[in-house]
Amino acid sequence: MVAALKALGNDRRLKILDWLKDPRAHFREQVDGDLVADGVCGLLIAEKLGVSQPTLSEHMRILVAAGLVIPKRIKQWTFYRRDEPAIAAVKAAFTAEV
């Protein structure tokens, strides 16, 4: 839960998660991989976010470590999609009565 809180504590990572909710609406078609089934190529995310590839890699490393995003390698690229059950579990933990 701490990793998820850290991941969610950054505006750029929140934007990425929001964009990945509906990848066809936010990203152009890619040569390899389906935007929904395989995820969005890290290069497209970096381009849209306006950051370098190393900066994006760090954001994605944090999201993956928190279990909020699932990476998939296709050729030399990494594609990312949301882990909806994990995100639902985090939301449930926030709304649970203490």
N, C-alpha and C. Protein backbone atom coordinates (compact mmCIF):
# COMPACT_ATOMS: atom_id res chain seq x y z
N MET A 1 0.82 -1.19 0.00
CA MET A 1 0.00 0.00 0.00
C MET A 1 0.87 1.26 0.00
N VAL A 2 2.00 1.22 0.67
CA VAL A 2 2.89 2.38 0.72
C VAL A 2 3.41 2.69 -0.69
N ALA A 3 3.77 1.65 -1.45
CA ALA A 3 4.26 1.86 -2.82
C ALA A 3 3.18 2.48 -3.69
N ALA A 4 1.94 2.05 -3.49
CA ALA A 4 0.83 2.62 -4.27
C ALA A 4 0.63 4.09 -3.92
N LEU A 5 0.72 4.42 -2.63
CA LEU A 5 0.57 5.81 -2.22
C LEU A 5 1.68 6.68 -2.80
N LYS A 6 2.90 6.16 -2.79
CA LYS A 6 4.02 6.90 -3.37
C LYS A 6 3.78 7.11 -4.87
N ALA A 7 3.34 6.06 -5.54
CA ALA A 7 3.09 6.15 -6.99
C ALA A 7 2.01 7.16 -7.30
N LEU A 8 0.98 7.21 -6.48
CA LEU A 8 -0.15 8.10 -6.72
C LEU A 8 0.11 9.53 -6.26
N GLY A 9 1.22 9.74 -5.60
CA GLY A 9 1.54 11.06 -5.08
C GLY A 9 2.26 11.95 -6.07
N ASN A 10 2.17 11.64 -7.35
CA ASN A 10 2.85 12.42 -8.38
C ASN A 10 1.88 12.72 -9.52
N ASP A 11 1.77 13.98 -9.89
CA ASP A 11 0.82 14.38 -10.93
C ASP A 11 1.07 13.70 -12.27
N ARG A 12 2.34 13.54 -12.63
CA ARG A 12 2.65 12.90 -13.91
C ARG A 12 2.20 11.44 -13.92
N ARG A 13 2.41 10.74 -12.82
CA ARG A 13 1.99 9.33 -12.77
C ARG A 13 0.47 9.23 -12.78
N LEU A 14 -0.20 10.18 -12.14
CA LEU A 14 -1.67 10.19 -12.19
C LEU A 14 -2.17 10.42 -13.61
N LYS A 15 -1.50 11.32 -14.35
CA LYS A 15 -1.85 11.54 -15.75
C LYS A 15 -1.68 10.25 -16.56
N ILE A 16 -0.56 9.58 -16.36
CA ILE A 16 -0.30 8.34 -17.10
C ILE A 16 -1.40 7.33 -16.83
N LEU A 17 -1.75 7.14 -15.56
CA LEU A 17 -2.82 6.19 -15.23
C LEU A 17 -4.15 6.59 -15.86
N ASP A 18 -4.43 7.88 -15.89
CA ASP A 18 -5.66 8.35 -16.51
C ASP A 18 -5.65 8.08 -18.01
N TRP A 19 -4.54 8.38 -18.68
CA TRP A 19 -4.43 8.14 -20.12
C TRP A 19 -4.57 6.66 -20.44
N LEU A 20 -3.98 5.80 -19.60
CA LEU A 20 -4.03 4.36 -19.86
C LEU A 20 -5.42 3.77 -19.65
N LYS A 21 -6.29 4.53 -18.99
CA LYS A 21 -7.67 4.09 -18.79
C LYS A 21 -8.38 3.94 -20.14
N ASP A 22 -8.08 4.85 -21.08
CA ASP A 22 -8.67 4.82 -22.42
C ASP A 22 -7.57 5.13 -23.43
N PRO A 23 -6.70 4.16 -23.71
CA PRO A 23 -5.53 4.44 -24.54
C PRO A 23 -5.86 4.87 -25.97
N ARG A 24 -6.95 4.36 -26.54
CA ARG A 24 -7.29 4.75 -27.92
C ARG A 24 -7.65 6.23 -28.01
N ALA A 25 -8.18 6.80 -26.94
CA ALA A 25 -8.55 8.21 -26.94
C ALA A 25 -7.33 9.12 -26.74
N HIS A 26 -6.25 8.60 -26.18
CA HIS A 26 -5.12 9.44 -25.81
C HIS A 26 -3.85 9.21 -26.61
N PHE A 27 -3.77 8.09 -27.33
CA PHE A 27 -2.53 7.77 -28.05
C PHE A 27 -2.84 7.38 -29.49
N ARG A 28 -1.89 7.70 -30.38
CA ARG A 28 -2.03 7.28 -31.77
C ARG A 28 -1.76 5.78 -31.88
N GLU A 29 -2.20 5.20 -32.98
CA GLU A 29 -1.93 3.77 -33.19
C GLU A 29 -0.43 3.54 -33.24
N GLN A 30 -0.01 2.38 -32.81
CA GLN A 30 1.41 2.05 -32.78
C GLN A 30 1.69 0.90 -33.74
N VAL A 31 2.93 0.78 -34.18
CA VAL A 31 3.32 -0.24 -35.16
C VAL A 31 3.19 -1.63 -34.56
N ASP A 32 3.76 -1.82 -33.39
CA ASP A 32 3.72 -3.12 -32.71
C ASP A 32 2.75 -3.05 -31.54
N GLY A 33 2.02 -4.11 -31.32
CA GLY A 33 1.15 -4.22 -30.16
C GLY A 33 -0.14 -3.44 -30.29
N ASP A 34 -1.18 -3.99 -29.68
CA ASP A 34 -2.49 -3.35 -29.64
C ASP A 34 -2.55 -2.44 -28.42
N LEU A 35 -3.06 -1.23 -28.59
CA LEU A 35 -3.10 -0.26 -27.50
C LEU A 35 -3.82 -0.78 -26.25
N VAL A 36 -4.87 -1.56 -26.45
CA VAL A 36 -5.65 -2.06 -25.31
C VAL A 36 -5.10 -3.39 -24.81
N ALA A 37 -4.97 -4.36 -25.69
CA ALA A 37 -4.55 -5.71 -25.28
C ALA A 37 -3.11 -5.76 -24.79
N ASP A 38 -2.21 -5.08 -25.48
CA ASP A 38 -0.79 -5.14 -25.14
C ASP A 38 -0.32 -3.97 -24.30
N GLY A 39 -1.02 -2.85 -24.39
CA GLY A 39 -0.63 -1.65 -23.68
C GLY A 39 -0.02 -0.63 -24.61
N VAL A 40 0.38 0.48 -24.05
CA VAL A 40 0.92 1.60 -24.81
C VAL A 40 2.44 1.58 -24.71
N CYS A 41 3.10 1.78 -25.85
CA CYS A 41 4.56 1.82 -25.88
C CYS A 41 5.06 2.98 -25.02
N GLY A 42 6.10 2.70 -24.26
CA GLY A 42 6.69 3.73 -23.41
C GLY A 42 7.11 4.98 -24.17
N LEU A 43 7.53 4.81 -25.43
CA LEU A 43 7.93 5.97 -26.23
C LEU A 43 6.75 6.92 -26.46
N LEU A 44 5.57 6.36 -26.69
CA LEU A 44 4.39 7.20 -26.89
C LEU A 44 4.00 7.93 -25.61
N ILE A 45 4.14 7.24 -24.48
CA ILE A 45 3.81 7.87 -23.20
C ILE A 45 4.79 9.01 -22.92
N ALA A 46 6.09 8.77 -23.16
CA ALA A 46 7.11 9.80 -22.94
C ALA A 46 6.85 11.01 -23.83
N GLU A 47 6.49 10.74 -25.08
CA GLU A 47 6.20 11.81 -26.03
C GLU A 47 5.02 12.67 -25.55
N LYS A 48 3.94 12.02 -25.14
CA LYS A 48 2.75 12.75 -24.69
C LYS A 48 3.01 13.51 -23.40
N LEU A 49 3.79 12.92 -22.52
CA LEU A 49 4.09 13.55 -21.23
C LEU A 49 5.13 14.66 -21.38
N GLY A 50 5.88 14.64 -22.48
CA GLY A 50 6.89 15.66 -22.71
C GLY A 50 8.14 15.46 -21.87
N VAL A 51 8.51 14.19 -21.65
CA VAL A 51 9.69 13.88 -20.86
C VAL A 51 10.62 12.96 -21.65
N SER A 52 11.85 12.83 -21.18
CA SER A 52 12.81 11.93 -21.82
C SER A 52 12.47 10.49 -21.49
N GLN A 53 13.02 9.58 -22.26
CA GLN A 53 12.80 8.15 -22.02
C GLN A 53 13.28 7.73 -20.62
N PRO A 54 14.47 8.17 -20.17
CA PRO A 54 14.89 7.79 -18.81
C PRO A 54 13.94 8.29 -17.72
N THR A 55 13.41 9.50 -17.89
CA THR A 55 12.46 10.04 -16.91
C THR A 55 11.20 9.20 -16.90
N LEU A 56 10.70 8.86 -18.09
CA LEU A 56 9.50 8.03 -18.15
C LEU A 56 9.78 6.67 -17.52
N SER A 57 10.92 6.09 -17.81
CA SER A 57 11.26 4.78 -17.25
C SER A 57 11.19 4.78 -15.74
N GLU A 58 11.62 5.86 -15.12
CA GLU A 58 11.56 5.95 -13.65
C GLU A 58 10.11 6.02 -13.18
N HIS A 59 9.28 6.82 -13.85
CA HIS A 59 7.86 6.88 -13.49
C HIS A 59 7.21 5.50 -13.64
N MET A 60 7.51 4.82 -14.73
CA MET A 60 6.89 3.52 -14.98
C MET A 60 7.42 2.47 -14.00
N ARG A 61 8.69 2.56 -13.64
CA ARG A 61 9.26 1.62 -12.65
C ARG A 61 8.49 1.72 -11.34
N ILE A 62 8.16 2.94 -10.94
CA ILE A 62 7.43 3.16 -9.69
C ILE A 62 6.00 2.61 -9.81
N LEU A 63 5.35 2.87 -10.94
CA LEU A 63 3.98 2.35 -11.15
C LEU A 63 3.96 0.83 -11.20
N VAL A 64 4.96 0.22 -11.84
CA VAL A 64 5.03 -1.24 -11.90
C VAL A 64 5.31 -1.81 -10.51
N ALA A 65 6.25 -1.21 -9.77
CA ALA A 65 6.59 -1.69 -8.43
C ALA A 65 5.38 -1.60 -7.50
N ALA A 66 4.53 -0.60 -7.72
CA ALA A 66 3.32 -0.45 -6.91
C ALA A 66 2.22 -1.41 -7.33
N GLY A 67 2.43 -2.11 -8.45
CA GLY A 67 1.44 -3.07 -8.93
C GLY A 67 0.27 -2.43 -9.64
N LEU A 68 0.41 -1.19 -10.06
CA LEU A 68 -0.69 -0.49 -10.71
C LEU A 68 -0.67 -0.61 -12.23
N VAL A 69 0.49 -0.97 -12.76
CA VAL A 69 0.67 -1.07 -14.21
C VAL A 69 1.40 -2.38 -14.52
N ILE A 70 1.02 -2.99 -15.65
CA ILE A 70 1.63 -4.24 -16.08
C ILE A 70 2.50 -3.96 -17.32
N PRO A 71 3.79 -4.29 -17.24
CA PRO A 71 4.66 -4.10 -18.40
C PRO A 71 4.65 -5.35 -19.29
N LYS A 72 4.89 -5.14 -20.57
CA LYS A 72 4.98 -6.26 -21.53
C LYS A 72 6.03 -5.90 -22.56
N ARG A 73 6.99 -6.80 -22.76
CA ARG A 73 8.04 -6.56 -23.76
C ARG A 73 7.57 -7.10 -25.11
N ILE A 74 7.70 -6.27 -26.14
CA ILE A 74 7.48 -6.67 -27.52
C ILE A 74 8.67 -6.14 -28.30
N LYS A 75 9.45 -7.05 -28.88
CA LYS A 75 10.71 -6.69 -29.54
C LYS A 75 11.57 -5.96 -28.52
N GLN A 76 12.07 -4.76 -28.86
CA GLN A 76 12.92 -4.05 -27.91
C GLN A 76 12.16 -3.02 -27.09
N TRP A 77 10.83 -2.98 -27.22
CA TRP A 77 10.01 -1.97 -26.56
C TRP A 77 9.27 -2.52 -25.36
N THR A 78 8.94 -1.64 -24.43
CA THR A 78 8.10 -2.03 -23.30
C THR A 78 6.77 -1.31 -23.43
N PHE A 79 5.71 -2.08 -23.30
CA PHE A 79 4.34 -1.57 -23.39
C PHE A 79 3.70 -1.66 -22.01
N TYR A 80 2.83 -0.72 -21.70
CA TYR A 80 2.24 -0.65 -20.37
C TYR A 80 0.72 -0.57 -20.45
N ARG A 81 0.08 -1.31 -19.54
CA ARG A 81 -1.37 -1.19 -19.39
C ARG A 81 -1.70 -1.23 -17.91
N ARG A 82 -2.86 -0.70 -17.58
CA ARG A 82 -3.29 -0.65 -16.18
C ARG A 82 -3.60 -2.05 -15.66
N ASP A 83 -3.35 -2.27 -14.38
CA ASP A 83 -3.76 -3.50 -13.70
C ASP A 83 -5.04 -3.15 -12.95
N GLU A 84 -6.17 -3.32 -13.63
CA GLU A 84 -7.45 -2.88 -13.08
C GLU A 84 -7.81 -3.53 -11.74
N PRO A 85 -7.60 -4.85 -11.55
CA PRO A 85 -7.90 -5.43 -10.23
C PRO A 85 -7.06 -4.81 -9.11
N ALA A 86 -5.80 -4.53 -9.38
CA ALA A 86 -4.94 -3.92 -8.36
C ALA A 86 -5.39 -2.50 -8.05
N ILE A 87 -5.76 -1.75 -9.09
CA ILE A 87 -6.24 -0.38 -8.88
C ILE A 87 -7.54 -0.40 -8.09
N ALA A 88 -8.43 -1.35 -8.40
CA ALA A 88 -9.68 -1.48 -7.65
C ALA A 88 -9.41 -1.80 -6.18
N ALA A 89 -8.40 -2.63 -5.92
CA ALA A 89 -8.06 -2.98 -4.54
C ALA A 89 -7.55 -1.76 -3.77
N VAL A 90 -6.75 -0.93 -4.43
CA VAL A 90 -6.25 0.29 -3.79
C VAL A 90 -7.42 1.23 -3.49
N LYS A 91 -8.33 1.39 -4.46
CA LYS A 91 -9.50 2.23 -4.24
C LYS A 91 -10.34 1.71 -3.08
N ALA A 92 -10.51 0.41 -3.01
CA ALA A 92 -11.30 -0.21 -1.93
C ALA A 92 -10.64 0.04 -0.57
N ALA A 93 -9.32 -0.03 -0.53
CA ALA A 93 -8.60 0.20 0.72
C ALA A 93 -8.78 1.64 1.20
N PHE A 94 -8.85 2.58 0.26
CA PHE A 94 -9.05 3.98 0.63
C PHE A 94 -10.45 4.24 1.15
N THR A 95 -11.42 3.51 0.64
CA THR A 95 -12.81 3.75 1.03
C THR A 95 -13.26 2.86 2.18
N ALA A 96 -12.42 1.90 2.59
CA ALA A 96 -12.80 0.99 3.68
C ALA A 96 -12.87 1.76 4.99
N GLU A 97 -13.80 1.35 5.82
CA GLU A 97 -13.92 1.96 7.14
C GLU A 97 -12.78 1.51 8.03
N VAL A 98 -12.28 2.43 8.82
CA VAL A 98 -11.16 2.11 9.71
C VAL A 98 -11.68 1.88 11.10
